[in-house]
PDB file of N, CA and C in Angstrom:
ATOM      1  N   MET A   1       9.213  22.310 -11.164  1.00  0.00           N
ATOM      2  CA  MET A   1       8.007  21.833 -10.504  1.00  0.00           C
ATOM      3  C   MET A   1       7.693  20.435 -11.031  1.00  0.00           C
ATOM      4  N   SER A   2       7.196  19.620 -10.175  1.00  0.00           N
ATOM      5  CA  SER A   2       6.922  18.242 -10.559  1.00  0.00           C
ATOM      6  C   SER A   2       5.488  18.090 -11.075  1.00  0.00           C
ATOM      7  N   THR A   3       5.237  16.977 -11.709  1.00  0.00           N
ATOM      8  CA  THR A   3       3.894  16.710 -12.203  1.00  0.00           C
ATOM      9  C   THR A   3       2.981  16.329 -11.043  1.00  0.00           C
ATOM     10  N   LEU A   4       1.715  16.457 -11.246  1.00  0.00           N
ATOM     11  CA  LEU A   4       0.740  16.140 -10.201  1.00  0.00           C
ATOM     12  C   LEU A   4       0.796  14.657  -9.826  1.00  0.00           C
ATOM     13  N   THR A   5       0.955  13.787 -10.823  1.00  0.00           N
ATOM     14  CA  THR A   5       1.043  12.349 -10.556  1.00  0.00           C
ATOM     15  C   THR A   5       2.258  12.025  -9.697  1.00  0.00           C
ATOM     16  N   ARG A   6       3.392  12.598 -10.032  1.00  0.00           N
ATOM     17  CA  ARG A   6       4.618  12.365  -9.267  1.00  0.00           C
ATOM     18  C   ARG A   6       4.487  12.903  -7.844  1.00  0.00           C
ATOM     19  N   THR A   7       3.853  14.052  -7.694  1.00  0.00           N
ATOM     20  CA  THR A   7       3.650  14.635  -6.369  1.00  0.00           C
ATOM     21  C   THR A   7       2.784  13.741  -5.495  1.00  0.00           C
ATOM     22  N   TRP A   8       1.670  13.246  -6.020  1.00  0.00           N
ATOM     23  CA  TRP A   8       0.795  12.353  -5.247  1.00  0.00           C
ATOM     24  C   TRP A   8       1.504  11.057  -4.880  1.00  0.00           C
ATOM     25  N   ARG A   9       2.271  10.503  -5.813  1.00  0.00           N
ATOM     26  CA  ARG A   9       3.018   9.268  -5.543  1.00  0.00           C
ATOM     27  C   ARG A   9       4.020   9.482  -4.410  1.00  0.00           C
ATOM     28  N   ASN A  10       4.747  10.593  -4.452  1.00  0.00           N
ATOM     29  CA  ASN A  10       5.716  10.876  -3.402  1.00  0.00           C
ATOM     30  C   ASN A  10       5.044  11.164  -2.071  1.00  0.00           C
ATOM     31  N   LEU A  11       3.903  11.809  -2.082  1.00  0.00           N
ATOM     32  CA  LEU A  11       3.163  12.068  -0.849  1.00  0.00           C
ATOM     33  C   LEU A  11       2.771  10.765  -0.169  1.00  0.00           C
ATOM     34  N   ARG A  12       2.311   9.786  -0.936  1.00  0.00           N
ATOM     35  CA  ARG A  12       1.961   8.479  -0.360  1.00  0.00           C
ATOM     36  C   ARG A  12       3.190   7.779   0.204  1.00  0.00           C
ATOM     37  N   ARG A  13       4.330   7.933  -0.448  1.00  0.00           N
ATOM     38  CA  ARG A  13       5.548   7.232  -0.016  1.00  0.00           C
ATOM     39  C   ARG A  13       6.195   7.856   1.213  1.00  0.00           C
ATOM     40  N   ILE A  14       6.256   9.168   1.270  1.00  0.00           N
ATOM     41  CA  ILE A  14       7.015   9.804   2.341  1.00  0.00           C
ATOM     42  C   ILE A  14       6.161  10.293   3.499  1.00  0.00           C
ATOM     43  N   GLY A  15       4.874  10.424   3.306  1.00  0.00           N
ATOM     44  CA  GLY A  15       3.996  10.867   4.386  1.00  0.00           C
ATOM     45  C   GLY A  15       3.837  12.379   4.415  1.00  0.00           C
ATOM     46  N   LEU A  16       2.838  12.831   5.126  1.00  0.00           N
ATOM     47  CA  LEU A  16       2.476  14.243   5.152  1.00  0.00           C
ATOM     48  C   LEU A  16       3.542  15.117   5.826  1.00  0.00           C
ATOM     49  N   LYS A  17       4.123  14.631   6.926  1.00  0.00           N
ATOM     50  CA  LYS A  17       5.127  15.419   7.642  1.00  0.00           C
ATOM     51  C   LYS A  17       6.364  15.663   6.788  1.00  0.00           C
ATOM     52  N   GLU A  18       6.895  14.606   6.164  1.00  0.00           N
ATOM     53  CA  GLU A  18       8.076  14.756   5.308  1.00  0.00           C
ATOM     54  C   GLU A  18       7.746  15.550   4.048  1.00  0.00           C
ATOM     55  N   TYR A  19       6.526  15.403   3.536  1.00  0.00           N
ATOM     56  CA  TYR A  19       6.076  16.176   2.374  1.00  0.00           C
ATOM     57  C   TYR A  19       6.142  17.675   2.698  1.00  0.00           C
ATOM     58  N   ALA A  20       5.597  18.076   3.850  1.00  0.00           N
ATOM     59  CA  ALA A  20       5.615  19.480   4.251  1.00  0.00           C
ATOM     60  C   ALA A  20       7.054  19.971   4.444  1.00  0.00           C
ATOM     61  N   HIS A  21       7.899  19.136   5.049  1.00  0.00           N
ATOM     62  CA  HIS A  21       9.308  19.490   5.259  1.00  0.00           C
ATOM     63  C   HIS A  21      10.013  19.749   3.920  1.00  0.00           C
ATOM     64  N   GLN A  22       9.807  18.869   2.954  1.00  0.00           N
ATOM     65  CA  GLN A  22      10.453  19.026   1.653  1.00  0.00           C
ATOM     66  C   GLN A  22       9.938  20.250   0.909  1.00  0.00           C
ATOM     67  N   MET A  23       8.659  20.510   0.967  1.00  0.00           N
ATOM     68  CA  MET A  23       8.107  21.669   0.269  1.00  0.00           C
ATOM     69  C   MET A  23       8.627  22.971   0.873  1.00  0.00           C
ATOM     70  N   MET A  24       8.812  23.001   2.192  1.00  0.00           N
ATOM     71  CA  MET A  24       9.324  24.209   2.841  1.00  0.00           C
ATOM     72  C   MET A  24      10.813  24.421   2.565  1.00  0.00           C
ATOM     73  N   ASN A  25      11.576  23.345   2.407  1.00  0.00           N
ATOM     74  CA  ASN A  25      13.026  23.472   2.292  1.00  0.00           C
ATOM     75  C   ASN A  25      13.570  23.380   0.877  1.00  0.00           C
ATOM     76  N   ILE A  26      13.046  22.482   0.054  1.00  0.00           N
ATOM     77  CA  ILE A  26      13.585  22.360  -1.306  1.00  0.00           C
ATOM     78  C   ILE A  26      12.562  22.710  -2.376  1.00  0.00           C
ATOM     79  N   GLY A  27      11.301  22.897  -1.993  1.00  0.00           N
ATOM     80  CA  GLY A  27      10.291  23.321  -2.947  1.00  0.00           C
ATOM     81  C   GLY A  27       9.841  22.248  -3.916  1.00  0.00           C
ATOM     82  N   ASP A  28      10.112  21.001  -3.595  1.00  0.00           N
ATOM     83  CA  ASP A  28       9.741  19.881  -4.453  1.00  0.00           C
ATOM     84  C   ASP A  28       9.595  18.650  -3.566  1.00  0.00           C
ATOM     85  N   THR A  29       8.905  17.636  -4.068  1.00  0.00           N
ATOM     86  CA  THR A  29       8.781  16.393  -3.312  1.00  0.00           C
ATOM     87  C   THR A  29       9.631  15.322  -3.966  1.00  0.00           C
ATOM     88  N   LYS A  30      10.342  14.589  -3.144  1.00  0.00           N
ATOM     89  CA  LYS A  30      11.204  13.516  -3.635  1.00  0.00           C
ATOM     90  C   LYS A  30      11.101  12.334  -2.694  1.00  0.00           C
ATOM     91  N   ALA A  31      11.123  11.142  -3.265  1.00  0.00           N
ATOM     92  CA  ALA A  31      11.138   9.909  -2.484  1.00  0.00           C
ATOM     93  C   ALA A  31      12.311   9.082  -2.981  1.00  0.00           C
ATOM     94  N   GLY A  32      13.128   8.611  -2.055  1.00  0.00           N
ATOM     95  CA  GLY A  32      14.291   7.842  -2.464  1.00  0.00           C
ATOM     96  C   GLY A  32      14.942   7.141  -1.301  1.00  0.00           C
ATOM     97  N   THR A  33      16.124   6.651  -1.558  1.00  0.00           N
ATOM     98  CA  THR A  33      16.882   5.867  -0.594  1.00  0.00           C
ATOM     99  C   THR A  33      17.895   6.761   0.113  1.00  0.00           C
ATOM    100  N   TYR A  34      17.930   6.643   1.431  1.00  0.00           N
ATOM    101  CA  TYR A  34      18.922   7.355   2.225  1.00  0.00           C
ATOM    102  C   TYR A  34      20.295   6.754   1.914  1.00  0.00           C
ATOM    103  N   VAL A  35      21.275   7.613   1.636  1.00  0.00           N
ATOM    104  CA  VAL A  35      22.610   7.148   1.270  1.00  0.00           C
ATOM    105  C   VAL A  35      23.609   7.352   2.411  1.00  0.00           C
ATOM    106  N   ALA A  36      23.700   8.566   2.926  1.00  0.00           N
ATOM    107  CA  ALA A  36      24.717   8.849   3.949  1.00  0.00           C
ATOM    108  C   ALA A  36      24.429  10.164   4.644  1.00  0.00           C
ATOM    109  N   THR A  37      25.147  10.389   5.719  1.00  0.00           N
ATOM    110  CA  THR A  37      25.157  11.662   6.425  1.00  0.00           C
ATOM    111  C   THR A  37      26.601  12.113   6.534  1.00  0.00           C
ATOM    112  N   ASP A  38      26.866  13.380   6.203  1.00  0.00           N
ATOM    113  CA  ASP A  38      28.240  13.862   6.322  1.00  0.00           C
ATOM    114  C   ASP A  38      28.503  14.381   7.727  1.00  0.00           C
ATOM    115  N   ARG A  39      29.709  14.860   7.967  1.00  0.00           N
ATOM    116  CA  ARG A  39      30.089  15.274   9.319  1.00  0.00           C
ATOM    117  C   ARG A  39      29.365  16.526   9.786  1.00  0.00           C
ATOM    118  N   TYR A  40      28.706  17.238   8.882  1.00  0.00           N
ATOM    119  CA  TYR A  40      27.951  18.428   9.244  1.00  0.00           C
ATOM    120  C   TYR A  40      26.478  18.128   9.523  1.00  0.00           C
ATOM    121  N   GLY A  41      26.075  16.885   9.331  1.00  0.00           N
ATOM    122  CA  GLY A  41      24.694  16.489   9.586  1.00  0.00           C
ATOM    123  C   GLY A  41      23.784  16.551   8.373  1.00  0.00           C
ATOM    124  N   ASN A  42      24.318  16.855   7.190  1.00  0.00           N
ATOM    125  CA  ASN A  42      23.531  16.875   5.960  1.00  0.00           C
ATOM    126  C   ASN A  42      23.230  15.442   5.532  1.00  0.00           C
ATOM    127  N   LYS A  43      21.992  15.184   5.110  1.00  0.00           N
ATOM    128  CA  LYS A  43      21.597  13.834   4.699  1.00  0.00           C
ATOM    129  C   LYS A  43      21.503  13.769   3.177  1.00  0.00           C
ATOM    130  N   TYR A  44      22.066  12.712   2.618  1.00  0.00           N
ATOM    131  CA  TYR A  44      22.109  12.525   1.175  1.00  0.00           C
ATOM    132  C   TYR A  44      21.175  11.389   0.768  1.00  0.00           C
ATOM    133  N   TYR A  45      20.409  11.609  -0.312  1.00  0.00           N
ATOM    134  CA  TYR A  45      19.444  10.638  -0.810  1.00  0.00           C
ATOM    135  C   TYR A  45      19.638  10.452  -2.307  1.00  0.00           C
ATOM    136  N   GLU A  46      19.134   9.338  -2.825  1.00  0.00           N
ATOM    137  CA  GLU A  46      19.118   9.135  -4.273  1.00  0.00           C
ATOM    138  C   GLU A  46      17.958   8.244  -4.669  1.00  0.00           C
ATOM    139  N   ASN A  47      17.526   8.414  -5.917  1.00  0.00           N
ATOM    140  CA  ASN A  47      16.483   7.595  -6.512  1.00  0.00           C
ATOM    141  C   ASN A  47      16.831   7.453  -7.987  1.00  0.00           C
ATOM    142  N   GLN A  48      17.430   6.353  -8.343  1.00  0.00           N
ATOM    143  CA  GLN A  48      17.883   6.127  -9.717  1.00  0.00           C
ATOM    144  C   GLN A  48      16.757   5.684 -10.646  1.00  0.00           C
ATOM    145  N   ASP A  49      15.628   5.226 -10.092  1.00  0.00           N
ATOM    146  CA  ASP A  49      14.597   4.611 -10.915  1.00  0.00           C
ATOM    147  C   ASP A  49      13.559   5.579 -11.460  1.00  0.00           C
ATOM    148  N   GLU A  50      13.036   6.447 -10.633  1.00  0.00           N
ATOM    149  CA  GLU A  50      11.836   7.184 -11.029  1.00  0.00           C
ATOM    150  C   GLU A  50      12.003   8.686 -11.162  1.00  0.00           C
ATOM    151  N   GLU A  51      13.153   9.218 -10.838  1.00  0.00           N
ATOM    152  CA  GLU A  51      13.349  10.659 -10.960  1.00  0.00           C
ATOM    153  C   GLU A  51      13.739  11.014 -12.394  1.00  0.00           C
ATOM    154  N   LEU A  52      13.619  12.279 -12.700  1.00  0.00           N
ATOM    155  CA  LEU A  52      14.012  12.775 -14.009  1.00  0.00           C
ATOM    156  C   LEU A  52      15.531  12.764 -14.127  1.00  0.00           C
ATOM    157  N   PRO A  53      16.067  12.689 -15.334  1.00  0.00           N
ATOM    158  CA  PRO A  53      17.519  12.706 -15.498  1.00  0.00           C
ATOM    159  C   PRO A  53      18.131  13.946 -14.844  1.00  0.00           C
ATOM    160  N   LEU A  54      19.277  13.770 -14.228  1.00  0.00           N
ATOM    161  CA  LEU A  54      20.028  14.804 -13.514  1.00  0.00           C
ATOM    162  C   LEU A  54      19.336  15.285 -12.239  1.00  0.00           C
ATOM    163  N   ARG A  55      18.269  14.605 -11.812  1.00  0.00           N
ATOM    164  CA  ARG A  55      17.590  14.941 -10.563  1.00  0.00           C
ATOM    165  C   ARG A  55      17.508  13.710  -9.665  1.00  0.00           C
ATOM    166  N   THR A  56      18.482  12.826  -9.764  1.00  0.00           N
ATOM    167  CA  THR A  56      18.420  11.557  -9.049  1.00  0.00           C
ATOM    168  C   THR A  56      19.016  11.621  -7.649  1.00  0.00           C
ATOM    169  N   ARG A  57      19.760  12.678  -7.331  1.00  0.00           N
ATOM    170  CA  ARG A  57      20.381  12.802  -6.011  1.00  0.00           C
ATOM    171  C   ARG A  57      20.046  14.165  -5.430  1.00  0.00           C
ATOM    172  N   TRP A  58      19.874  14.202  -4.110  1.00  0.00           N
ATOM    173  CA  TRP A  58      19.604  15.467  -3.456  1.00  0.00           C
ATOM    174  C   TRP A  58      20.073  15.432  -2.015  1.00  0.00           C
ATOM    175  N   VAL A  59      20.148  16.620  -1.409  1.00  0.00           N
ATOM    176  CA  VAL A  59      20.666  16.785  -0.055  1.00  0.00           C
ATOM    177  C   VAL A  59      19.602  17.442   0.802  1.00  0.00           C
ATOM    178  N   ASP A  60      19.441  16.936   2.019  1.00  0.00           N
ATOM    179  CA  ASP A  60      18.599  17.574   3.025  1.00  0.00           C
ATOM    180  C   ASP A  60      19.564  18.221   4.010  1.00  0.00           C
ATOM    181  N   TYR A  61      19.737  19.542   3.905  1.00  0.00           N
ATOM    182  CA  TYR A  61      20.708  20.256   4.723  1.00  0.00           C
ATOM    183  C   TYR A  61      20.254  20.357   6.169  1.00  0.00           C
ATOM    184  N   LYS A  62      21.173  20.167   7.085  1.00  0.00           N
ATOM    185  CA  LYS A  62      20.863  20.276   8.498  1.00  0.00           C
ATOM    186  C   LYS A  62      20.571  21.723   8.869  1.00  0.00           C
ATOM    187  N   GLU A  63      21.428  22.615   8.448  1.00  0.00           N
ATOM    188  CA  GLU A  63      21.263  24.046   8.714  1.00  0.00           C
ATOM    189  C   GLU A  63      20.413  24.650   7.597  1.00  0.00           C
ATOM    190  N   LYS A  64      19.353  25.323   7.983  1.00  0.00           N
ATOM    191  CA  LYS A  64      18.475  25.929   6.983  1.00  0.00           C
ATOM    192  C   LYS A  64      18.916  27.336   6.612  1.00  0.00           C
ATOM    193  N   GLU A  65      19.858  27.903   7.376  1.00  0.00           N
ATOM    194  CA  GLU A  65      20.411  29.228   7.083  1.00  0.00           C
ATOM    195  C   GLU A  65      21.642  29.035   6.213  1.00  0.00           C
ATOM    196  N   PHE A  66      21.682  29.701   5.087  1.00  0.00           N
ATOM    197  CA  PHE A  66      22.796  29.553   4.161  1.00  0.00           C
ATOM    198  C   PHE A  66      23.654  30.804   4.199  1.00  0.00           C
ATOM    199  N   ASP A  67      24.873  30.680   4.688  1.00  0.00           N
ATOM    200  CA  ASP A  67      25.830  31.792   4.678  1.00  0.00           C
ATOM    201  C   ASP A  67      26.781  31.567   3.525  1.00  0.00           C
ATOM    202  N   ALA A  68      26.849  32.541   2.661  1.00  0.00           N
ATOM    203  CA  ALA A  68      27.739  32.398   1.512  1.00  0.00           C
ATOM    204  C   ALA A  68      28.780  33.493   1.515  1.00  0.00           C
TER     205      ALA A  68
END
């Protein structure tokens, strides 16, 4: 879980709609730079400056159903 300060900062940066999307899908708020999209439609982001160590990159999966 992120700190309250970090959550408010990310809410201002990404907006209410993206904030709700992130909370529903990854359970955390992140703001960063879009890096790429793979052939399956997954979007990759990174933030090297303000995220905690080992939490600088993340994926927004196109498919919300996970079959393993």
